PDB file of N, CA and C in Angstrom:
ATOM      1  N   MET A   1      -4.544  11.109 -18.829  1.00  0.00           N
ATOM      2  CA  MET A   1      -3.964  11.787 -17.323  1.00  0.00           C
ATOM      3  C   MET A   1      -5.125  11.663 -16.582  1.00  0.00           C
ATOM      4  N   LYS A   2      -5.029  11.363 -15.469  1.00  0.00           N
ATOM      5  CA  LYS A   2      -6.042  11.812 -14.418  1.00  0.00           C
ATOM      6  C   LYS A   2      -5.857  12.614 -13.581  1.00  0.00           C
ATOM      7  N   ILE A   3      -6.760  13.316 -12.855  1.00  0.00           N
ATOM      8  CA  ILE A   3      -6.615  14.509 -12.039  1.00  0.00           C
ATOM      9  C   ILE A   3      -7.441  14.212 -11.047  1.00  0.00           C
ATOM     10  N   ALA A   4      -6.294  14.589  -9.761  1.00  0.00           N
ATOM     11  CA  ALA A   4      -7.055  14.361  -8.698  1.00  0.00           C
ATOM     12  C   ALA A   4      -7.310  15.230  -7.463  1.00  0.00           C
ATOM     13  N   LYS A   5      -7.964  15.348  -6.404  1.00  0.00           N
ATOM     14  CA  LYS A   5      -7.960  16.805  -5.606  1.00  0.00           C
ATOM     15  C   LYS A   5      -7.476  16.271  -4.260  1.00  0.00           C
ATOM     16  N   LEU A   6      -7.048  17.584  -3.808  1.00  0.00           N
ATOM     17  CA  LEU A   6      -6.527  17.582  -2.366  1.00  0.00           C
ATOM     18  C   LEU A   6      -7.041  17.796  -1.429  1.00  0.00           C
ATOM     19  N   THR A   7      -7.769  16.917  -0.110  1.00  0.00           N
ATOM     20  CA  THR A   7      -8.332  17.467   0.725  1.00  0.00           C
ATOM     21  C   THR A   7      -8.373  18.413   1.538  1.00  0.00           C
ATOM     22  N   LYS A   8      -8.978  19.137   2.263  1.00  0.00           N
ATOM     23  CA  LYS A   8      -8.040  20.147   3.200  1.00  0.00           C
ATOM     24  C   LYS A   8      -7.232  19.711   4.014  1.00  0.00           C
ATOM     25  N   LYS A   9      -7.156  18.613   4.325  1.00  0.00           N
ATOM     26  CA  LYS A   9      -6.334  17.620   4.877  1.00  0.00           C
ATOM     27  C   LYS A   9      -4.647  17.161   4.107  1.00  0.00           C
ATOM     28  N   GLY A  10      -4.599  17.908   3.421  1.00  0.00           N
ATOM     29  CA  GLY A  10      -3.630  17.205   1.841  1.00  0.00           C
ATOM     30  C   GLY A  10      -3.582  16.041   1.461  1.00  0.00           C
ATOM     31  N   GLN A  11      -4.405  15.427   1.130  1.00  0.00           N
ATOM     32  CA  GLN A  11      -5.010  13.779   1.107  1.00  0.00           C
ATOM     33  C   GLN A  11      -5.858  13.666  -0.358  1.00  0.00           C
ATOM     34  N   PHE A  12      -5.424  12.939  -1.224  1.00  0.00           N
ATOM     35  CA  PHE A  12      -5.534  12.413  -2.209  1.00  0.00           C
ATOM     36  C   PHE A  12      -5.750  10.941  -2.470  1.00  0.00           C
ATOM     37  N   THR A  13      -6.616  10.669  -3.461  1.00  0.00           N
ATOM     38  CA  THR A  13      -7.268   9.292  -3.727  1.00  0.00           C
ATOM     39  C   THR A  13      -6.106   9.257  -4.998  1.00  0.00           C
ATOM     40  N   ILE A  14      -5.074   7.998  -5.070  1.00  0.00           N
ATOM     41  CA  ILE A  14      -4.321   7.430  -6.040  1.00  0.00           C
ATOM     42  C   ILE A  14      -6.024   6.774  -6.581  1.00  0.00           C
ATOM     43  N   PRO A  15      -5.951   7.020  -8.127  1.00  0.00           N
ATOM     44  CA  PRO A  15      -6.927   6.449  -9.282  1.00  0.00           C
ATOM     45  C   PRO A  15      -6.685   4.749  -9.167  1.00  0.00           C
ATOM     46  N   THR A  16      -7.602   4.160  -9.174  1.00  0.00           N
ATOM     47  CA  THR A  16      -7.469   2.554  -9.170  1.00  0.00           C
ATOM     48  C   THR A  16      -6.954   2.041  -9.887  1.00  0.00           C
ATOM     49  N   GLY A  17      -6.575   2.280 -11.189  1.00  0.00           N
ATOM     50  CA  GLY A  17      -5.505   1.844 -12.224  1.00  0.00           C
ATOM     51  C   GLY A  17      -4.081   2.249 -11.833  1.00  0.00           C
ATOM     52  N   TYR A  18      -3.830   2.893 -11.414  1.00  0.00           N
ATOM     53  CA  TYR A  18      -2.499   3.242 -10.627  1.00  0.00           C
ATOM     54  C   TYR A  18      -1.873   2.745  -9.778  1.00  0.00           C
ATOM     55  N   ARG A  19      -2.901   2.586  -8.617  1.00  0.00           N
ATOM     56  CA  ARG A  19      -3.110   1.630  -7.236  1.00  0.00           C
ATOM     57  C   ARG A  19      -2.526   0.333  -8.111  1.00  0.00           C
ATOM     58  N   LYS A  20      -3.178  -0.589  -8.519  1.00  0.00           N
ATOM     59  CA  LYS A  20      -2.895  -1.630  -9.631  1.00  0.00           C
ATOM     60  C   LYS A  20      -2.063  -1.666  -9.979  1.00  0.00           C
ATOM     61  N   LEU A  21      -1.009  -0.410 -10.406  1.00  0.00           N
ATOM     62  CA  LEU A  21       0.298  -0.454 -11.289  1.00  0.00           C
ATOM     63  C   LEU A  21       1.198  -0.875  -9.952  1.00  0.00           C
ATOM     64  N   LEU A  22       0.680   0.186  -8.766  1.00  0.00           N
ATOM     65  CA  LEU A  22       2.165   0.333  -8.104  1.00  0.00           C
ATOM     66  C   LEU A  22       1.747  -0.963  -7.301  1.00  0.00           C
ATOM     67  N   GLY A  23       0.605  -2.049  -6.868  1.00  0.00           N
ATOM     68  CA  GLY A  23       0.634  -3.317  -6.702  1.00  0.00           C
ATOM     69  C   GLY A  23       1.386  -3.633  -5.151  1.00  0.00           C
ATOM     70  N   THR A  24       0.889  -2.373  -4.412  1.00  0.00           N
ATOM     71  CA  THR A  24       1.298  -1.833  -2.961  1.00  0.00           C
ATOM     72  C   THR A  24       0.641  -0.968  -2.163  1.00  0.00           C
ATOM     73  N   TYR A  25       0.521  -0.839  -1.051  1.00  0.00           N
ATOM     74  CA  TYR A  25       0.280   0.147   0.182  1.00  0.00           C
ATOM     75  C   TYR A  25       0.962   1.139   0.221  1.00  0.00           C
ATOM     76  N   ILE A  26       1.859   0.730   0.117  1.00  0.00           N
ATOM     77  CA  ILE A  26       3.067   1.444   0.930  1.00  0.00           C
ATOM     78  C   ILE A  26       4.349   2.081   0.130  1.00  0.00           C
ATOM     79  N   VAL A  27       4.271   3.725  -0.341  1.00  0.00           N
ATOM     80  CA  VAL A  27       4.836   4.038  -1.329  1.00  0.00           C
ATOM     81  C   VAL A  27       5.757   4.895  -0.857  1.00  0.00           C
ATOM     82  N   GLU A  28       6.966   4.982  -1.768  1.00  0.00           N
ATOM     83  CA  GLU A  28       7.742   5.788  -1.554  1.00  0.00           C
ATOM     84  C   GLU A  28       7.528   7.416  -2.355  1.00  0.00           C
ATOM     85  N   ILE A  29       7.458   8.899  -2.023  1.00  0.00           N
ATOM     86  CA  ILE A  29       7.260   9.914  -2.838  1.00  0.00           C
ATOM     87  C   ILE A  29       8.528  10.960  -2.682  1.00  0.00           C
ATOM     88  N   THR A  30       8.652  10.804  -4.072  1.00  0.00           N
ATOM     89  CA  THR A  30       9.607  11.975  -3.944  1.00  0.00           C
ATOM     90  C   THR A  30       9.173  13.662  -5.295  1.00  0.00           C
ATOM     91  N   TYR A  31      10.418  14.226  -4.359  1.00  0.00           N
ATOM     92  CA  TYR A  31       9.945  15.334  -5.862  1.00  0.00           C
ATOM     93  C   TYR A  31      11.536  15.818  -6.301  1.00  0.00           C
ATOM     94  N   GLU A  32      11.163  15.841  -7.729  1.00  0.00           N
ATOM     95  CA  GLU A  32      12.261  15.904  -8.130  1.00  0.00           C
ATOM     96  C   GLU A  32      11.980  17.142 -10.008  1.00  0.00           C
ATOM     97  N   LYS A  33      12.809  18.136  -9.618  1.00  0.00           N
ATOM     98  CA  LYS A  33      12.209  18.851 -10.984  1.00  0.00           C
ATOM     99  C   LYS A  33      11.394  19.347 -11.424  1.00  0.00           C
ATOM    100  N   GLY A  34      10.576  19.830 -10.283  1.00  0.00           N
ATOM    101  CA  GLY A  34       8.877  19.870 -10.744  1.00  0.00           C
ATOM    102  C   GLY A  34       7.769  19.011 -10.508  1.00  0.00           C
ATOM    103  N   LYS A  35       8.433  17.769 -10.404  1.00  0.00           N
ATOM    104  CA  LYS A  35       7.411  16.799 -10.757  1.00  0.00           C
ATOM    105  C   LYS A  35       7.198  15.788  -9.199  1.00  0.00           C
ATOM    106  N   VAL A  36       6.067  15.572  -8.887  1.00  0.00           N
ATOM    107  CA  VAL A  36       5.947  14.475  -7.476  1.00  0.00           C
ATOM    108  C   VAL A  36       5.689  13.374  -7.942  1.00  0.00           C
ATOM    109  N   ILE A  37       7.261  12.569  -7.910  1.00  0.00           N
ATOM    110  CA  ILE A  37       7.230  11.054  -7.487  1.00  0.00           C
ATOM    111  C   ILE A  37       6.679  10.188  -7.218  1.00  0.00           C
ATOM    112  N   ILE A  38       5.511   9.314  -7.155  1.00  0.00           N
ATOM    113  CA  ILE A  38       5.231   8.286  -5.854  1.00  0.00           C
ATOM    114  C   ILE A  38       5.417   6.628  -6.961  1.00  0.00           C
ATOM    115  N   LYS A  39       5.810   5.887  -6.316  1.00  0.00           N
ATOM    116  CA  LYS A  39       6.421   4.370  -6.754  1.00  0.00           C
ATOM    117  C   LYS A  39       6.234   3.544  -5.492  1.00  0.00           C
ATOM    118  N   PRO A  40       6.576   2.422  -5.585  1.00  0.00           N
ATOM    119  CA  PRO A  40       6.213   1.467  -4.632  1.00  0.00           C
ATOM    120  C   PRO A  40       7.385   1.434  -3.930  1.00  0.00           C
ATOM    121  N   ALA A  41       6.871   1.279  -2.464  1.00  0.00           N
ATOM    122  CA  ALA A  41       8.609   1.202  -1.595  1.00  0.00           C
ATOM    123  C   ALA A  41       8.782   0.454  -1.581  1.00  0.00           C
ATOM    124  N   LYS A  42      10.233  -0.484  -1.716  1.00  0.00           N
ATOM    125  CA  LYS A  42      10.814  -1.322  -1.729  1.00  0.00           C
ATOM    126  C   LYS A  42      11.757  -1.934  -0.571  1.00  0.00           C
ATOM    127  N   LYS A  43      12.407  -0.308   0.140  1.00  0.00           N
ATOM    128  CA  LYS A  43      12.666  -1.314   1.463  1.00  0.00           C
ATOM    129  C   LYS A  43      11.892  -0.764   2.610  1.00  0.00           C
ATOM    130  N   LEU A  44      11.143  -1.293   3.752  1.00  0.00           N
ATOM    131  CA  LEU A  44      10.169  -1.016   4.945  1.00  0.00           C
ATOM    132  C   LEU A  44      11.951  -0.304   6.048  1.00  0.00           C
ATOM    133  N   GLY A  45      12.303   0.686   5.639  1.00  0.00           N
ATOM    134  CA  GLY A  45      13.233   1.328   6.180  1.00  0.00           C
ATOM    135  C   GLY A  45      12.520   2.794   6.939  1.00  0.00           C
ATOM    136  N   GLY A  46      13.452   3.379   7.482  1.00  0.00           N
ATOM    137  CA  GLY A  46      13.018   4.771   8.182  1.00  0.00           C
ATOM    138  C   GLY A  46      11.578   4.701   8.644  1.00  0.00           C
ATOM    139  N   ILE A  47      10.775   5.287   8.905  1.00  0.00           N
ATOM    140  CA  ILE A  47       9.704   5.680   9.679  1.00  0.00           C
ATOM    141  C   ILE A  47       8.852   3.916  10.127  1.00  0.00           C
ATOM    142  N   LEU A  48       9.230   3.542   9.300  1.00  0.00           N
ATOM    143  CA  LEU A  48       8.744   1.633   9.251  1.00  0.00           C
ATOM    144  C   LEU A  48       9.352   1.403   9.875  1.00  0.00           C
ATOM    145  N   HIS A  49      11.007   1.397  10.317  1.00  0.00           N
ATOM    146  CA  HIS A  49      11.988   0.313  10.612  1.00  0.00           C
ATOM    147  C   HIS A  49      11.183  -0.625  11.522  1.00  0.00           C
ATOM    148  N   LYS A  50      10.437  -0.470  12.725  1.00  0.00           N
ATOM    149  CA  LYS A  50       9.958  -0.879  13.609  1.00  0.00           C
ATOM    150  C   LYS A  50       8.757  -2.147  13.162  1.00  0.00           C
ATOM    151  N   TYR A  51       8.993  -1.913  11.823  1.00  0.00           N
ATOM    152  CA  TYR A  51       7.206  -2.735  11.418  1.00  0.00           C
ATOM    153  C   TYR A  51       7.859  -3.641  10.656  1.00  0.00           C
ATOM    154  N   ALA A  52       9.086  -2.908  10.515  1.00  0.00           N
ATOM    155  CA  ALA A  52       9.860  -4.104   9.449  1.00  0.00           C
ATOM    156  C   ALA A  52       9.859  -5.827   9.688  1.00  0.00           C
ATOM    157  N   ILE A  53       9.811  -6.582   8.780  1.00  0.00           N
ATOM    158  CA  ILE A  53      10.311  -8.295   9.071  1.00  0.00           C
ATOM    159  C   ILE A  53      11.517  -8.374   8.166  1.00  0.00           C
ATOM    160  N   ARG A  54      12.673  -8.474   8.800  1.00  0.00           N
ATOM    161  CA  ARG A  54      13.957  -8.680   8.540  1.00  0.00           C
ATOM    162  C   ARG A  54      14.310  -9.701   7.640  1.00  0.00           C
ATOM    163  N   ASP A  55      14.789 -10.062   6.454  1.00  0.00           N
ATOM    164  CA  ASP A  55      15.262 -11.139   5.521  1.00  0.00           C
ATOM    165  C   ASP A  55      13.967 -11.480   5.021  1.00  0.00           C
ATOM    166  N   ARG A  56      13.254 -10.758   4.511  1.00  0.00           N
ATOM    167  CA  ARG A  56      12.228 -10.969   3.804  1.00  0.00           C
ATOM    168  C   ARG A  56      12.005  -9.807   2.783  1.00  0.00           C
ATOM    169  N   SER A  57      11.251 -10.273   1.307  1.00  0.00           N
ATOM    170  CA  SER A  57      11.126  -9.284   0.658  1.00  0.00           C
ATOM    171  C   SER A  57      10.112  -8.670   0.600  1.00  0.00           C
ATOM    172  N   ILE A  58       9.510  -7.180   0.134  1.00  0.00           N
ATOM    173  CA  ILE A  58       8.897  -6.308   0.201  1.00  0.00           C
ATOM    174  C   ILE A  58       7.717  -7.676  -0.559  1.00  0.00           C
ATOM    175  N   GLU A  59       7.493  -8.455  -1.212  1.00  0.00           N
ATOM    176  CA  GLU A  59       6.475  -9.375  -2.229  1.00  0.00           C
ATOM    177  C   GLU A  59       6.078 -10.414  -1.412  1.00  0.00           C
ATOM    178  N   GLU A  60       6.989 -10.835  -0.601  1.00  0.00           N
ATOM    179  CA  GLU A  60       7.048 -11.415   0.314  1.00  0.00           C
ATOM    180  C   GLU A  60       5.695 -11.428   1.425  1.00  0.00           C
ATOM    181  N   ILE A  61       6.880 -10.388   1.903  1.00  0.00           N
ATOM    182  CA  ILE A  61       5.326  -9.618   2.851  1.00  0.00           C
ATOM    183  C   ILE A  61       4.073  -9.466   2.810  1.00  0.00           C
ATOM    184  N   MET A  62       3.673  -8.921   1.327  1.00  0.00           N
ATOM    185  CA  MET A  62       2.455  -8.289   0.508  1.00  0.00           C
ATOM    186  C   MET A  62       1.528  -9.479   0.789  1.00  0.00           C
ATOM    187  N   LYS A  63       2.737 -11.008  -0.169  1.00  0.00           N
ATOM    188  CA  LYS A  63       2.092 -12.144  -0.497  1.00  0.00           C
ATOM    189  C   LYS A  63       1.265 -12.675   1.005  1.00  0.00           C
ATOM    190  N   THR A  64       1.879 -13.010   2.465  1.00  0.00           N
ATOM    191  CA  THR A  64       1.434 -13.267   3.822  1.00  0.00           C
ATOM    192  C   THR A  64       0.492 -12.415   3.924  1.00  0.00           C
ATOM    193  N   GLU A  65       0.824 -10.740   3.705  1.00  0.00           N
ATOM    194  CA  GLU A  65      -0.674  -9.630   3.822  1.00  0.00           C
ATOM    195  C   GLU A  65      -1.698 -10.566   3.722  1.00  0.00           C
ATOM    196  N   LYS A  66      -1.734 -10.684   2.262  1.00  0.00           N
ATOM    197  CA  LYS A  66      -3.156 -10.689   1.244  1.00  0.00           C
ATOM    198  C   LYS A  66      -3.411 -11.851   2.132  1.00  0.00           C
ATOM    199  N   GLU A  67      -2.977 -12.932   2.125  1.00  0.00           N
ATOM    200  CA  GLU A  67      -3.237 -14.437   2.606  1.00  0.00           C
ATOM    201  C   GLU A  67      -4.189 -14.248   3.915  1.00  0.00           C
ATOM    202  N   ALA A  68      -3.283 -13.713   4.794  1.00  0.00           N
ATOM    203  CA  ALA A  68      -4.106 -13.346   5.789  1.00  0.00           C
ATOM    204  C   ALA A  68      -5.193 -12.441   6.015  1.00  0.00           C
ATOM    205  N   ILE A  69      -4.847 -11.340   4.909  1.00  0.00           N
ATOM    206  CA  ILE A  69      -6.973 -10.368   4.961  1.00  0.00           C
ATOM    207  C   ILE A  69      -7.780 -11.427   4.368  1.00  0.00           C
ATOM    208  N   GLY A  70      -7.495 -12.511   3.556  1.00  0.00           N
ATOM    209  CA  GLY A  70      -8.320 -13.029   2.985  1.00  0.00           C
ATOM    210  C   GLY A  70      -8.715 -14.401   4.271  1.00  0.00           C
ATOM    211  N   ASP A  71      -7.961 -14.907   4.948  1.00  0.00           N
ATOM    212  CA  ASP A  71      -8.321 -15.382   5.934  1.00  0.00           C
ATOM    213  C   ASP A  71      -9.280 -15.265   6.847  1.00  0.00           C
ATOM    214  N   GLY A  72      -9.222 -13.875   7.258  1.00  0.00           N
ATOM    215  CA  GLY A  72      -9.838 -12.952   8.118  1.00  0.00           C
ATOM    216  C   GLY A  72     -10.953 -12.803   7.726  1.00  0.00           C
ATOM    217  N   LEU A  73     -11.404 -12.665   6.076  1.00  0.00           N
ATOM    218  CA  LEU A  73     -12.637 -12.024   5.837  1.00  0.00           C
ATOM    219  C   LEU A  73     -13.714 -13.730   5.238  1.00  0.00           C
ATOM    220  N   ALA A  74     -12.246 -14.996   5.482  1.00  0.00           N
ATOM    221  CA  ALA A  74     -13.517 -16.051   5.280  1.00  0.00           C
ATOM    222  C   ALA A  74     -13.746 -16.475   6.848  1.00  0.00           C
ATOM    223  N   GLU A  75     -13.052 -16.190   7.297  1.00  0.00           N
ATOM    224  CA  GLU A  75     -13.633 -16.342   9.318  1.00  0.00           C
ATOM    225  C   GLU A  75     -14.766 -15.123   9.537  1.00  0.00           C
ATOM    226  N   ARG A  76     -14.667 -14.447   8.754  1.00  0.00           N
ATOM    227  CA  ARG A  76     -15.415 -13.237   9.258  1.00  0.00           C
ATOM    228  C   ARG A  76     -17.119 -14.033   8.423  1.00  0.00           C
ATOM    229  N   GLY A  77     -16.845 -14.191   7.417  1.00  0.00           N
ATOM    230  CA  GLY A  77     -18.258 -15.201   6.288  1.00  0.00           C
ATOM    231  C   GLY A  77     -18.357 -16.007   7.214  1.00  0.00           C
ATOM    232  N   LYS A  78     -17.802 -17.117   7.840  1.00  0.00           N
ATOM    233  CA  LYS A  78     -17.941 -17.905   8.512  1.00  0.00           C
ATOM    234  C   LYS A  78     -19.779 -17.192   9.620  1.00  0.00           C
ATOM    235  N   ARG A  79     -19.114 -16.450  10.388  1.00  0.00           N
ATOM    236  CA  ARG A  79     -19.662 -16.014  11.622  1.00  0.00           C
ATOM    237  C   ARG A  79     -20.526 -15.244  11.108  1.00  0.00           C
ATOM    238  N   ASP A  80     -21.018 -14.742  10.123  1.00  0.00           N
ATOM    239  CA  ASP A  80     -22.114 -13.681   9.461  1.00  0.00           C
ATOM    240  C   ASP A  80     -23.235 -14.412   9.117  1.00  0.00           C
ATOM    241  N   ASN A  81     -22.409 -16.007   8.731  1.00  0.00           N
ATOM    242  CA  ASN A  81     -23.879 -17.038   8.641  1.00  0.00           C
ATOM    243  C   ASN A  81     -24.264 -17.632   9.199  1.00  0.00           C
ATOM    244  N   CYS A  82     -24.184 -17.655  10.807  1.00  0.00           N
ATOM    245  CA  CYS A  82     -24.797 -18.191  11.429  1.00  0.00           C
ATOM    246  C   CYS A  82     -25.572 -17.529  12.178  1.00  0.00           C
TER     247      CYS A  82
END
């Protein structure tokens, strides 16, 4: 069991091992029978609906996002080495 401290703003850090298990930065949080449950978001609805990419799974979107981040870091590396 891991312990996390809430900040004054109500924030906490999910330990690295659990973040890796989630496999995403977008999560659903629910409260059931005295427990807070955090699980990967499978649907990009609700308040994120205006950002949702239709007809693509969360896995496809995350893959595209990771590729874009990798491309951005590579480009930044090129600029920094000049």
